[in-house]
Protein backbone atom coordinates (compact mmCIF):
# COMPACT_ATOMS: atom_id res chain seq x y z
CA MET A 1 48.50 0.79 83.37
CA LYS A 2 50.88 -1.41 81.49
CA ILE A 3 52.79 0.34 78.76
CA THR A 4 55.21 -0.77 76.11
CA VAL A 5 57.97 1.65 75.18
CA VAL A 6 59.04 1.49 71.55
CA PRO A 7 62.29 3.24 70.61
CA THR A 8 62.56 5.69 67.73
CA SER A 9 65.63 6.70 65.75
CA LEU A 10 66.19 9.41 68.40
CA PRO A 11 66.93 7.70 71.75
CA GLU A 12 65.15 10.32 73.90
CA VAL A 13 61.96 10.32 71.78
CA LYS A 14 59.80 7.35 72.68
CA ILE A 15 56.59 5.77 71.44
CA ILE A 16 54.32 4.84 74.34
CA GLU A 17 51.83 2.04 73.68
CA PRO A 18 49.24 1.49 76.41
CA GLU A 19 47.67 -1.86 77.19
CA VAL A 20 44.15 -1.70 75.76
CA PHE A 21 41.33 -3.80 77.17
CA ALA A 22 38.74 -4.32 74.44
CA ASP A 23 35.59 -6.41 74.17
CA ALA A 24 32.17 -6.22 72.52
CA ARG A 25 31.30 -3.16 74.61
CA GLY A 26 34.28 -1.07 73.46
CA PHE A 27 37.67 -0.48 75.05
CA PHE A 28 39.41 0.92 78.11
CA PHE A 29 42.98 2.02 78.76
CA GLU A 30 44.85 4.33 81.09
CA SER A 31 46.16 7.14 78.94
CA PHE A 32 48.54 8.36 81.63
CA ASN A 33 49.98 7.00 84.86
CA ALA A 34 52.72 9.16 86.42
CA GLN A 35 54.54 6.27 88.09
CA GLU A 36 54.74 4.09 84.98
CA PHE A 37 55.58 7.05 82.76
CA ALA A 38 58.49 7.98 85.05
CA GLU A 39 59.75 4.40 84.92
CA ALA A 40 59.52 4.46 81.11
CA VAL A 41 61.17 7.82 80.36
CA GLY A 42 62.95 8.79 83.57
CA GLU A 43 62.18 10.63 86.75
CA GLY A 44 61.54 14.34 86.96
CA VAL A 45 58.78 14.80 84.39
CA GLU A 46 55.83 16.81 85.65
CA PHE A 47 53.03 18.00 83.38
CA VAL A 48 51.46 21.40 83.97
CA GLN A 49 49.20 21.99 80.96
CA ASP A 50 46.93 19.96 78.65
CA ASN A 51 46.10 21.15 75.12
CA HIS A 52 43.56 19.95 72.55
CA SER A 53 43.43 20.87 68.86
CA LEU A 54 41.17 19.96 65.95
CA SER A 55 42.62 20.18 62.45
CA ALA A 56 41.50 19.28 58.93
CA LYS A 57 43.30 17.05 56.45
CA GLY A 58 46.51 18.62 55.17
CA VAL A 59 46.96 20.99 58.11
CA LEU A 60 50.56 21.00 59.29
CA ARG A 61 51.28 22.48 62.72
CA GLY A 62 54.90 23.08 63.63
CA LEU A 63 57.75 22.65 63.96
CA HIS A 64 57.43 24.46 67.31
CA TYR A 65 59.58 24.83 70.41
CA GLN A 66 60.23 27.37 73.17
CA ILE A 67 63.80 28.67 73.30
CA GLU A 68 63.35 29.46 77.00
CA ARG A 69 61.05 27.49 79.31
CA ALA A 70 61.44 24.49 76.98
CA GLN A 71 58.52 22.08 76.97
CA GLY A 72 58.48 18.32 76.98
CA LYS A 73 55.31 17.00 75.33
CA LEU A 74 53.35 13.77 75.58
CA VAL A 75 51.14 13.73 72.49
CA ARG A 76 48.31 11.55 71.23
CA VAL A 77 45.40 11.50 68.80
CA VAL A 78 41.84 10.78 69.97
CA ALA A 79 40.12 11.09 66.57
CA GLY A 80 41.67 10.62 63.14
CA GLU A 81 45.35 10.21 62.27
CA VAL A 82 48.47 12.36 62.08
CA PHE A 83 52.10 11.94 61.17
CA ASP A 84 53.96 13.32 64.18
CA VAL A 85 57.57 14.54 64.09
CA ALA A 86 60.29 15.46 66.60
CA VAL A 87 63.55 17.16 65.57
CA ASP A 88 66.61 17.22 67.83
CA ILE A 89 67.73 20.85 68.10
CA ARG A 90 70.34 20.47 70.84
CA ARG A 91 73.63 21.62 69.28
CA GLY A 92 75.70 19.37 71.56
CA SER A 93 73.75 16.27 70.61
CA PRO A 94 75.14 13.68 68.19
CA ASN A 95 71.63 13.68 66.67
CA PHE A 96 71.42 17.46 66.13
CA GLY A 97 69.18 18.16 63.13
CA LYS A 98 67.88 14.59 62.89
CA TRP A 99 64.20 13.75 63.06
CA ALA A 100 61.90 10.89 64.03
CA GLY A 101 58.35 10.49 62.77
CA VAL A 102 55.49 8.21 63.75
CA HIS A 103 51.85 7.72 62.80
CA LEU A 104 49.55 8.42 65.73
CA SER A 105 45.87 7.62 65.46
CA ALA A 106 42.74 7.04 67.47
CA GLN A 107 42.93 3.46 66.25
CA ASN A 108 46.52 2.63 67.28
CA LYS A 109 46.27 4.65 70.53
CA ARG A 110 50.01 5.31 70.47
CA GLN A 111 51.50 8.32 72.23
CA LEU A 112 54.80 10.03 71.56
CA TRP A 113 57.09 11.45 74.24
CA VAL A 114 58.94 14.50 72.88
CA PRO A 115 61.33 15.77 75.56
CA ALA A 116 62.52 19.35 75.99
CA GLY A 117 65.23 20.18 73.47
CA PHE A 118 63.24 19.01 70.46
CA ALA A 119 61.07 20.86 67.95
CA HIS A 120 57.68 19.24 67.37
CA GLY A 121 55.05 19.21 64.64
CA PHE A 122 52.45 17.10 62.90
CA VAL A 123 50.44 16.88 59.71
CA VAL A 124 46.87 15.57 59.55
CA ILE A 125 46.43 12.67 57.12
CA SER A 126 42.80 11.76 57.92
CA GLU A 127 39.81 14.00 57.09
CA THR A 128 40.14 15.59 60.54
CA ALA A 129 42.15 14.84 63.67
CA GLU A 130 41.81 15.74 67.32
CA PHE A 131 45.22 16.03 68.94
CA LEU A 132 45.87 16.08 72.71
CA TYR A 133 49.11 16.87 74.42
CA LYS A 134 50.47 17.37 77.88
CA THR A 135 53.31 19.84 78.40
CA THR A 136 55.96 20.13 81.09
CA ASP A 137 55.86 23.93 81.06
CA TYR A 138 53.34 26.59 80.16
CA TRP A 139 53.08 28.28 76.78
CA PHE A 140 55.04 31.51 76.58
CA PRO A 141 54.45 33.13 73.17
CA GLU A 142 57.50 35.39 73.59
CA TYR A 143 59.75 32.29 73.69
CA GLU A 144 58.02 30.31 70.94
CA ARG A 145 60.08 29.61 67.84
CA THR A 146 59.29 27.75 64.62
CA LEU A 147 61.52 25.73 62.33
CA LEU A 148 60.63 25.65 58.65
CA TRP A 149 58.59 22.49 58.07
CA ASN A 150 60.35 21.66 54.78
CA ASP A 151 63.93 22.64 55.64
CA SER A 152 66.04 20.52 53.27
CA ASP A 153 68.85 20.38 55.85
CA ILE A 154 66.51 18.37 58.10
CA GLY A 155 64.80 16.47 55.27
CA ILE A 156 61.58 15.36 56.93
CA GLU A 157 59.66 12.94 54.73
CA TRP A 158 56.13 14.21 55.30
CA PRO A 159 53.53 11.74 53.93
CA ILE A 160 51.69 14.39 51.91
CA SER A 161 51.62 15.54 48.34
CA GLY A 162 51.67 19.22 47.58
CA GLU A 163 51.73 22.10 50.01
CA PRO A 164 50.18 21.69 53.46
CA ASN A 165 47.76 24.14 55.02
CA LEU A 166 49.97 26.31 57.27
CA ALA A 167 49.51 29.09 59.78
CA LYS A 168 51.46 32.25 58.97
CA LYS A 169 54.03 31.57 61.72
CA ASP A 170 54.63 28.06 60.35
CA ALA A 171 55.02 29.26 56.77
CA GLU A 172 57.60 31.78 58.01
CA GLY A 173 59.59 29.29 60.10
CA LEU A 174 63.37 29.52 60.03
CA ARG A 175 65.80 27.02 58.61
CA LEU A 176 67.72 25.12 61.27
CA ARG A 177 70.99 26.86 60.37
CA GLU A 178 69.34 30.26 61.07
CA ALA A 179 67.25 29.30 64.10
CA GLU A 180 67.94 29.72 67.79
CA THR A 181 68.67 26.29 69.21
CA TYR A 182 69.65 24.73 72.51
CA GLU A 183 73.26 24.28 73.59
């Protein structure tokens, strides 16, 4: 696996672009290689769970995080396209409350590394999207928290018009100033 690491506006959040081998038959790439990933983002990352979701156009999932047992996430899209967002919610960070967003699609094959200490979410901009992500810890619903997707203090520029399709927990997310965050 040969990967290219592209920085985002948040130094810890990284776009991972794999080397894709394509010809008339199709394509091949390694979607994950532990050794190269560690070299790209730093040692000590171990994934324990893989998740897969299917969502329709206009569905917005997030902005999620776990206040205890924080999860790092390596995310990618295998069908369709999303606009993916990470928000720094570490109070001691100079980037607290800032966000980075990137288009992930089956076509561009990009992945996004969202380390622990960040809230994460995405909105589907194609007709449907299949979203895969690896996590560094298991899901613990009792620790899950949600930031309000349209908190004006964060100011995410979602590439949608109108209201997204939200789960109840996402519609009831808290503003950053009210939410539990990391030290």
